[in-house]
Amino acid sequence: MENQILENLKMMMKMKKFTNMIKKNQKRKRVGSGSLRDETKNKKFTHFSGIIPKGICGPN
């Protein structure tokens, strides 16, 4: 019985570590989501402005 209790405790500790890691990652994502969204928006705009004129000029 003692061994099983020890194993359960070990598993609990492991799970706690994982949940803490997940929580930390979620917090980081929430903090970074604003700046990341802005970055992707800017990239998309630069991307489109770069590609569209080429596409228009190419066939003409």
PDB file of N, CA and C in Angstrom:
ATOM      1  N   MET A   1       0.838  -1.218   0.000  1.00  0.00           N
ATOM      2  CA  MET A   1       0.000   0.000   0.000  1.00  0.00           C
ATOM      3  C   MET A   1       0.868   1.262   0.000  1.00  0.00           C
ATOM      4  N   GLU A   2       1.919   1.255   0.822  1.00  0.00           N
ATOM      5  CA  GLU A   2       2.759   2.459   0.916  1.00  0.00           C
ATOM      6  C   GLU A   2       3.341   2.831  -0.440  1.00  0.00           C
ATOM      7  N   ASN A   3       3.796   1.804  -1.165  1.00  0.00           N
ATOM      8  CA  ASN A   3       4.379   2.061  -2.480  1.00  0.00           C
ATOM      9  C   ASN A   3       3.368   2.744  -3.397  1.00  0.00           C
ATOM     10  N   GLN A   4       2.126   2.257  -3.374  1.00  0.00           N
ATOM     11  CA  GLN A   4       1.097   2.828  -4.236  1.00  0.00           C
ATOM     12  C   GLN A   4       0.857   4.299  -3.878  1.00  0.00           C
ATOM     13  N   ILE A   5       0.818   4.595  -2.586  1.00  0.00           N
ATOM     14  CA  ILE A   5       0.609   5.982  -2.147  1.00  0.00           C
ATOM     15  C   ILE A   5       1.749   6.854  -2.654  1.00  0.00           C
ATOM     16  N   LEU A   6       2.981   6.346  -2.530  1.00  0.00           N
ATOM     17  CA  LEU A   6       4.144   7.108  -3.008  1.00  0.00           C
ATOM     18  C   LEU A   6       4.035   7.350  -4.511  1.00  0.00           C
ATOM     19  N   GLU A   7       3.644   6.310  -5.256  1.00  0.00           N
ATOM     20  CA  GLU A   7       3.505   6.447  -6.712  1.00  0.00           C
ATOM     21  C   GLU A   7       2.456   7.510  -7.034  1.00  0.00           C
ATOM     22  N   ASN A   8       1.331   7.447  -6.319  1.00  0.00           N
ATOM     23  CA  ASN A   8       0.270   8.429  -6.545  1.00  0.00           C
ATOM     24  C   ASN A   8       0.780   9.846  -6.278  1.00  0.00           C
ATOM     25  N   LEU A   9       1.549   9.996  -5.193  1.00  0.00           N
ATOM     26  CA  LEU A   9       2.095  11.318  -4.868  1.00  0.00           C
ATOM     27  C   LEU A   9       3.020  11.798  -5.982  1.00  0.00           C
ATOM     28  N   LYS A  10       3.865  10.884  -6.478  1.00  0.00           N
ATOM     29  CA  LYS A  10       4.783  11.243  -7.567  1.00  0.00           C
ATOM     30  C   LYS A  10       3.997  11.715  -8.787  1.00  0.00           C
ATOM     31  N   MET A  11       2.941  10.956  -9.120  1.00  0.00           N
ATOM     32  CA  MET A  11       2.114  11.320 -10.272  1.00  0.00           C
ATOM     33  C   MET A  11       1.477  12.698 -10.060  1.00  0.00           C
ATOM     34  N   MET A  12       0.986  12.926  -8.843  1.00  0.00           N
ATOM     35  CA  MET A  12       0.371  14.221  -8.533  1.00  0.00           C
ATOM     36  C   MET A  12       1.379  15.350  -8.750  1.00  0.00           C
ATOM     37  N   MET A  13       2.605  15.148  -8.281  1.00  0.00           N
ATOM     38  CA  MET A  13       3.634  16.175  -8.444  1.00  0.00           C
ATOM     39  C   MET A  13       3.900  16.433  -9.924  1.00  0.00           C
ATOM     40  N   LYS A  14       3.996  15.345 -10.700  1.00  0.00           N
ATOM     41  CA  LYS A  14       4.238  15.492 -12.140  1.00  0.00           C
ATOM     42  C   LYS A  14       3.104  16.289 -12.779  1.00  0.00           C
ATOM     43  N   MET A  15       1.856  15.899 -12.444  1.00  0.00           N
ATOM     44  CA  MET A  15       0.700  16.585 -13.013  1.00  0.00           C
ATOM     45  C   MET A  15       0.717  18.062 -12.622  1.00  0.00           C
ATOM     46  N   LYS A  16       1.092  18.345 -11.368  1.00  0.00           N
ATOM     47  CA  LYS A  16       1.149  19.739 -10.920  1.00  0.00           C
ATOM     48  C   LYS A  16       2.135  20.516 -11.770  1.00  0.00           C
ATOM     49  N   LYS A  17       3.299  19.895 -12.032  1.00  0.00           N
ATOM     50  CA  LYS A  17       4.307  20.566 -12.852  1.00  0.00           C
ATOM     51  C   LYS A  17       3.733  20.876 -14.222  1.00  0.00           C
ATOM     52  N   PHE A  18       3.052  19.878 -14.818  1.00  0.00           N
ATOM     53  CA  PHE A  18       2.496  20.072 -16.153  1.00  0.00           C
ATOM     54  C   PHE A  18       1.454  21.186 -16.149  1.00  0.00           C
ATOM     55  N   THR A  19       0.541  21.145 -15.157  1.00  0.00           N
ATOM     56  CA  THR A  19      -0.508  22.163 -15.111  1.00  0.00           C
ATOM     57  C   THR A  19       0.109  23.544 -14.925  1.00  0.00           C
ATOM     58  N   ASN A  20       1.156  23.630 -14.095  1.00  0.00           N
ATOM     59  CA  ASN A  20       1.828  24.916 -13.906  1.00  0.00           C
ATOM     60  C   ASN A  20       2.436  25.392 -15.218  1.00  0.00           C
ATOM     61  N   MET A  21       3.080  24.476 -15.948  1.00  0.00           N
ATOM     62  CA  MET A  21       3.674  24.825 -17.238  1.00  0.00           C
ATOM     63  C   MET A  21       2.593  25.341 -18.184  1.00  0.00           C
ATOM     64  N   ILE A  22       1.464  24.615 -18.232  1.00  0.00           N
ATOM     65  CA  ILE A  22       0.381  25.003 -19.133  1.00  0.00           C
ATOM     66  C   ILE A  22      -0.138  26.383 -18.742  1.00  0.00           C
ATOM     67  N   LYS A  23      -0.338  26.598 -17.437  1.00  0.00           N
ATOM     68  CA  LYS A  23      -0.828  27.899 -16.968  1.00  0.00           C
ATOM     69  C   LYS A  23       0.123  29.007 -17.383  1.00  0.00           C
ATOM     70  N   LYS A  24       1.428  28.785 -17.186  1.00  0.00           N
ATOM     71  CA  LYS A  24       2.427  29.793 -17.547  1.00  0.00           C
ATOM     72  C   LYS A  24       2.347  30.101 -19.032  1.00  0.00           C
ATOM     73  N   ASN A  25       2.252  29.043 -19.856  1.00  0.00           N
ATOM     74  CA  ASN A  25       2.193  29.227 -21.304  1.00  0.00           C
ATOM     75  C   ASN A  25       0.944  30.011 -21.692  1.00  0.00           C
ATOM     76  N   GLN A  26      -0.191  29.673 -21.065  1.00  0.00           N
ATOM     77  CA  GLN A  26      -1.432  30.380 -21.373  1.00  0.00           C
ATOM     78  C   GLN A  26      -1.293  31.863 -21.037  1.00  0.00           C
ATOM     79  N   LYS A  27      -0.692  32.163 -19.875  1.00  0.00           N
ATOM     80  CA  LYS A  27      -0.509  33.561 -19.479  1.00  0.00           C
ATOM     81  C   LYS A  27       0.351  34.281 -20.505  1.00  0.00           C
ATOM     82  N   ARG A  28       1.447  33.627 -20.912  1.00  0.00           N
ATOM     83  CA  ARG A  28       2.348  34.237 -21.891  1.00  0.00           C
ATOM     84  C   ARG A  28       1.604  34.527 -23.184  1.00  0.00           C
ATOM     85  N   LYS A  29       0.794  33.553 -23.629  1.00  0.00           N
ATOM     86  CA  LYS A  29       0.056  33.732 -24.879  1.00  0.00           C
ATOM     87  C   LYS A  29      -0.892  34.924 -24.762  1.00  0.00           C
ATOM     88  N   ARG A  30      -1.591  35.007 -23.625  1.00  0.00           N
ATOM     89  CA  ARG A  30      -2.539  36.105 -23.440  1.00  0.00           C
ATOM     90  C   ARG A  30      -1.812  37.446 -23.484  1.00  0.00           C
ATOM     91  N   VAL A  31      -0.660  37.493 -22.828  1.00  0.00           N
ATOM     92  CA  VAL A  31       0.099  38.748 -22.788  1.00  0.00           C
ATOM     93  C   VAL A  31       0.573  39.115 -24.189  1.00  0.00           C
ATOM     94  N   GLY A  32       1.060  38.101 -24.942  1.00  0.00           N
ATOM     95  CA  GLY A  32       1.651  38.361 -26.249  1.00  0.00           C
ATOM     96  C   GLY A  32       0.639  38.438 -27.376  1.00  0.00           C
ATOM     97  N   SER A  33      -0.605  38.029 -27.136  1.00  0.00           N
ATOM     98  CA  SER A  33      -1.568  37.908 -28.234  1.00  0.00           C
ATOM     99  C   SER A  33      -1.785  39.260 -28.919  1.00  0.00           C
ATOM    100  N   GLY A  34      -1.833  40.341 -28.155  1.00  0.00           N
ATOM    101  CA  GLY A  34      -2.078  41.658 -28.753  1.00  0.00           C
ATOM    102  C   GLY A  34      -0.994  42.043 -29.735  1.00  0.00           C
ATOM    103  N   SER A  35       0.262  41.970 -29.279  1.00  0.00           N
ATOM    104  CA  SER A  35       1.374  42.370 -30.138  1.00  0.00           C
ATOM    105  C   SER A  35       1.489  41.410 -31.314  1.00  0.00           C
ATOM    106  N   LEU A  36       1.242  40.115 -31.072  1.00  0.00           N
ATOM    107  CA  LEU A  36       1.350  39.133 -32.153  1.00  0.00           C
ATOM    108  C   LEU A  36       0.312  39.428 -33.227  1.00  0.00           C
ATOM    109  N   ARG A  37      -0.908  39.744 -32.816  1.00  0.00           N
ATOM    110  CA  ARG A  37      -1.963  40.040 -33.789  1.00  0.00           C
ATOM    111  C   ARG A  37      -1.568  41.244 -34.636  1.00  0.00           C
ATOM    112  N   ASP A  38      -1.054  42.288 -33.981  1.00  0.00           N
ATOM    113  CA  ASP A  38      -0.627  43.471 -34.729  1.00  0.00           C
ATOM    114  C   ASP A  38       0.436  43.094 -35.748  1.00  0.00           C
ATOM    115  N   GLU A  39       1.401  42.266 -35.309  1.00  0.00           N
ATOM    116  CA  GLU A  39       2.471  41.854 -36.205  1.00  0.00           C
ATOM    117  C   GLU A  39       1.905  41.138 -37.424  1.00  0.00           C
ATOM    118  N   THR A  40       0.990  40.187 -37.208  1.00  0.00           N
ATOM    119  CA  THR A  40       0.445  39.424 -38.332  1.00  0.00           C
ATOM    120  C   THR A  40      -0.339  40.358 -39.248  1.00  0.00           C
ATOM    121  N   LYS A  41      -1.077  41.300 -38.675  1.00  0.00           N
ATOM    122  CA  LYS A  41      -1.830  42.257 -39.499  1.00  0.00           C
ATOM    123  C   LYS A  41      -0.869  43.028 -40.390  1.00  0.00           C
ATOM    124  N   ASN A  42       0.189  43.574 -39.785  1.00  0.00           N
ATOM    125  CA  ASN A  42       1.158  44.348 -40.558  1.00  0.00           C
ATOM    126  C   ASN A  42       1.766  43.493 -41.662  1.00  0.00           C
ATOM    127  N   LYS A  43       2.138  42.245 -41.308  1.00  0.00           N
ATOM    128  CA  LYS A  43       2.737  41.344 -42.293  1.00  0.00           C
ATOM    129  C   LYS A  43       1.766  41.122 -43.439  1.00  0.00           C
ATOM    130  N   LYS A  44       0.501  40.881 -43.125  1.00  0.00           N
ATOM    131  CA  LYS A  44      -0.496  40.623 -44.168  1.00  0.00           C
ATOM    132  C   LYS A  44      -0.600  41.839 -45.085  1.00  0.00           C
ATOM    133  N   PHE A  45      -0.649  43.027 -44.491  1.00  0.00           N
ATOM    134  CA  PHE A  45      -0.796  44.232 -45.305  1.00  0.00           C
ATOM    135  C   PHE A  45       0.411  44.416 -46.217  1.00  0.00           C
ATOM    136  N   THR A  46       1.612  44.277 -45.656  1.00  0.00           N
ATOM    137  CA  THR A  46       2.812  44.438 -46.476  1.00  0.00           C
ATOM    138  C   THR A  46       2.827  43.362 -47.551  1.00  0.00           C
ATOM    139  N   HIS A  47       2.394  42.159 -47.173  1.00  0.00           N
ATOM    140  CA  HIS A  47       2.370  41.041 -48.109  1.00  0.00           C
ATOM    141  C   HIS A  47       1.478  41.383 -49.301  1.00  0.00           C
ATOM    142  N   PHE A  48       0.242  41.817 -48.992  1.00  0.00           N
ATOM    143  CA  PHE A  48      -0.716  42.105 -50.053  1.00  0.00           C
ATOM    144  C   PHE A  48      -0.221  43.270 -50.913  1.00  0.00           C
ATOM    145  N   SER A  49       0.224  44.344 -50.265  1.00  0.00           N
ATOM    146  CA  SER A  49       0.662  45.514 -51.028  1.00  0.00           C
ATOM    147  C   SER A  49       1.844  45.148 -51.919  1.00  0.00           C
ATOM    148  N   GLY A  50       2.642  44.143 -51.490  1.00  0.00           N
ATOM    149  CA  GLY A  50       3.766  43.700 -52.312  1.00  0.00           C
ATOM    150  C   GLY A  50       3.298  42.875 -53.490  1.00  0.00           C
ATOM    151  N   ILE A  51       2.310  42.001 -53.274  1.00  0.00           N
ATOM    152  CA  ILE A  51       1.931  41.026 -54.311  1.00  0.00           C
ATOM    153  C   ILE A  51       0.957  41.640 -55.318  1.00  0.00           C
ATOM    154  N   ILE A  52      -0.020  42.424 -54.851  1.00  0.00           N
ATOM    155  CA  ILE A  52      -1.103  42.876 -55.737  1.00  0.00           C
ATOM    156  C   ILE A  52      -0.560  43.702 -56.914  1.00  0.00           C
ATOM    157  N   PRO A  53       0.299  44.713 -56.674  1.00  0.00           N
ATOM    158  CA  PRO A  53       0.786  45.494 -57.817  1.00  0.00           C
ATOM    159  C   PRO A  53       1.517  44.626 -58.841  1.00  0.00           C
ATOM    160  N   LYS A  54       2.333  43.675 -58.352  1.00  0.00           N
ATOM    161  CA  LYS A  54       3.037  42.778 -59.265  1.00  0.00           C
ATOM    162  C   LYS A  54       2.029  42.007 -60.107  1.00  0.00           C
ATOM    163  N   GLY A  55       0.976  41.489 -59.441  1.00  0.00           N
ATOM    164  CA  GLY A  55      -0.029  40.707 -60.158  1.00  0.00           C
ATOM    165  C   GLY A  55      -0.721  41.548 -61.219  1.00  0.00           C
ATOM    166  N   ILE A  56      -0.997  42.826 -60.898  1.00  0.00           N
ATOM    167  CA  ILE A  56      -1.686  43.707 -61.845  1.00  0.00           C
ATOM    168  C   ILE A  56      -0.753  44.039 -63.010  1.00  0.00           C
ATOM    169  N   CYS A  57       0.519  44.312 -62.678  1.00  0.00           N
ATOM    170  CA  CYS A  57       1.474  44.710 -63.714  1.00  0.00           C
ATOM    171  C   CYS A  57       1.834  43.529 -64.618  1.00  0.00           C
ATOM    172  N   GLY A  58       1.892  42.325 -64.053  1.00  0.00           N
ATOM    173  CA  GLY A  58       2.355  41.150 -64.807  1.00  0.00           C
ATOM    174  C   GLY A  58       1.575  40.905 -66.087  1.00  0.00           C
ATOM    175  N   PRO A  59       0.248  40.660 -65.989  1.00  0.00           N
ATOM    176  CA  PRO A  59      -0.523  40.341 -67.207  1.00  0.00           C
ATOM    177  C   PRO A  59      -0.560  41.509 -68.188  1.00  0.00           C
ATOM    178  N   ASN A  60      -0.590  42.755 -67.678  1.00  0.00           N
ATOM    179  CA  ASN A  60      -0.647  43.905 -68.581  1.00  0.00           C
ATOM    180  C   ASN A  60       0.691  44.053 -69.285  1.00  0.00           C
TER     181      ASN A  60
END
